[in-house]
Protein backbone atom coordinates (compact mmCIF):
# COMPACT_ATOMS: atom_id res chain seq x y z
CA UNK A 1 98.43 104.67 43.88
CA UNK A 2 98.29 102.71 40.66
CA UNK A 3 98.74 99.12 39.57
CA UNK A 4 102.21 100.06 38.35
CA UNK A 5 103.17 101.46 41.75
CA UNK A 6 102.03 98.23 43.39
CA UNK A 7 104.00 96.23 40.82
CA UNK A 8 107.15 98.30 41.34
CA UNK A 9 106.95 98.01 45.12
CA UNK A 10 106.40 94.25 45.05
CA UNK A 11 109.22 93.80 42.54
CA UNK A 12 111.50 95.61 44.97
CA UNK A 13 110.47 93.90 48.23
CA UNK A 14 109.61 90.51 46.61
CA UNK A 15 107.07 89.59 49.32
CA UNK A 16 104.76 91.61 51.59
CA UNK A 17 101.74 91.13 53.80
CA UNK A 18 98.49 92.82 52.92
CA UNK A 19 98.67 94.86 56.11
CA UNK A 20 102.19 96.12 55.33
CA UNK A 21 101.05 97.11 51.82
CA UNK A 22 98.05 98.93 53.30
CA UNK A 23 100.38 100.92 55.57
CA UNK A 24 102.91 101.60 52.80
CA UNK A 25 100.26 102.87 50.34
CA UNK A 26 98.02 104.36 53.05
CA UNK A 27 94.99 102.54 51.61
CA UNK A 28 92.32 100.19 52.90
CA UNK A 29 93.28 96.50 52.71
CA UNK A 30 90.14 95.67 50.70
CA UNK A 31 91.05 98.25 48.03
CA UNK A 32 94.56 96.82 47.76
CA UNK A 33 93.25 93.25 47.66
CA UNK A 34 91.14 94.17 44.64
CA UNK A 35 94.07 95.79 42.86
CA UNK A 36 96.42 92.93 43.71
CA UNK A 37 93.92 90.48 42.22
CA UNK A 38 94.81 91.97 38.81
CA UNK A 39 98.43 90.86 39.20
CA UNK A 40 97.33 87.48 40.57
CA UNK A 41 95.14 86.90 37.49
CA UNK A 42 98.06 87.86 35.24
CA UNK A 43 100.23 85.27 36.96
CA UNK A 44 102.73 87.84 38.25
CA UNK A 45 101.77 87.64 41.94
CA UNK A 46 101.02 84.70 44.19
CA UNK A 47 98.77 85.10 47.21
CA UNK A 48 98.95 82.75 50.17
CA UNK A 49 98.05 82.71 53.82
CA UNK A 50 100.67 82.53 56.52
CA UNK A 51 99.91 79.47 58.60
CA UNK A 52 100.32 78.62 62.26
CA UNK A 53 103.88 77.62 61.37
CA UNK A 54 104.86 81.29 61.67
CA UNK A 55 106.70 80.45 64.86
CA UNK A 56 104.05 81.54 67.31
CA UNK A 57 101.17 79.71 68.85
CA UNK A 58 99.04 82.66 69.90
CA UNK A 59 96.80 82.66 66.76
CA UNK A 60 95.99 86.33 67.39
CA UNK A 61 97.01 87.70 63.99
CA UNK A 62 94.10 89.20 62.07
CA UNK A 63 93.48 87.68 58.65
CA UNK A 64 94.77 90.78 56.83
CA UNK A 65 98.10 90.38 58.62
CA UNK A 66 98.58 86.84 57.42
CA UNK A 67 97.60 87.38 53.78
CA UNK A 68 100.94 87.41 51.90
CA UNK A 69 101.62 88.55 48.34
CA UNK A 70 104.76 87.44 46.49
CA UNK A 71 106.06 88.84 43.20
CA UNK A 72 106.86 86.02 40.77
CA UNK A 73 109.87 86.40 38.49
CA UNK A 74 109.26 85.34 34.91
CA UNK A 75 111.91 82.97 33.62
């Protein structure tokens, strides 16, 4: 897995949770978080946390599940 593979996947899906990326690339979430930080610093990816407004009130999602990465299109 490379930075370019992460870029290509995010460009295709537009938005993904850290946990779904970890499953897709079969890598630890912390490793992916570090690699994604490159794209965040470059201004190509935005990271945000899914809030309680997800539609459920159980609050049982682990933090890795609610960490969302979005590919930003350059205009």
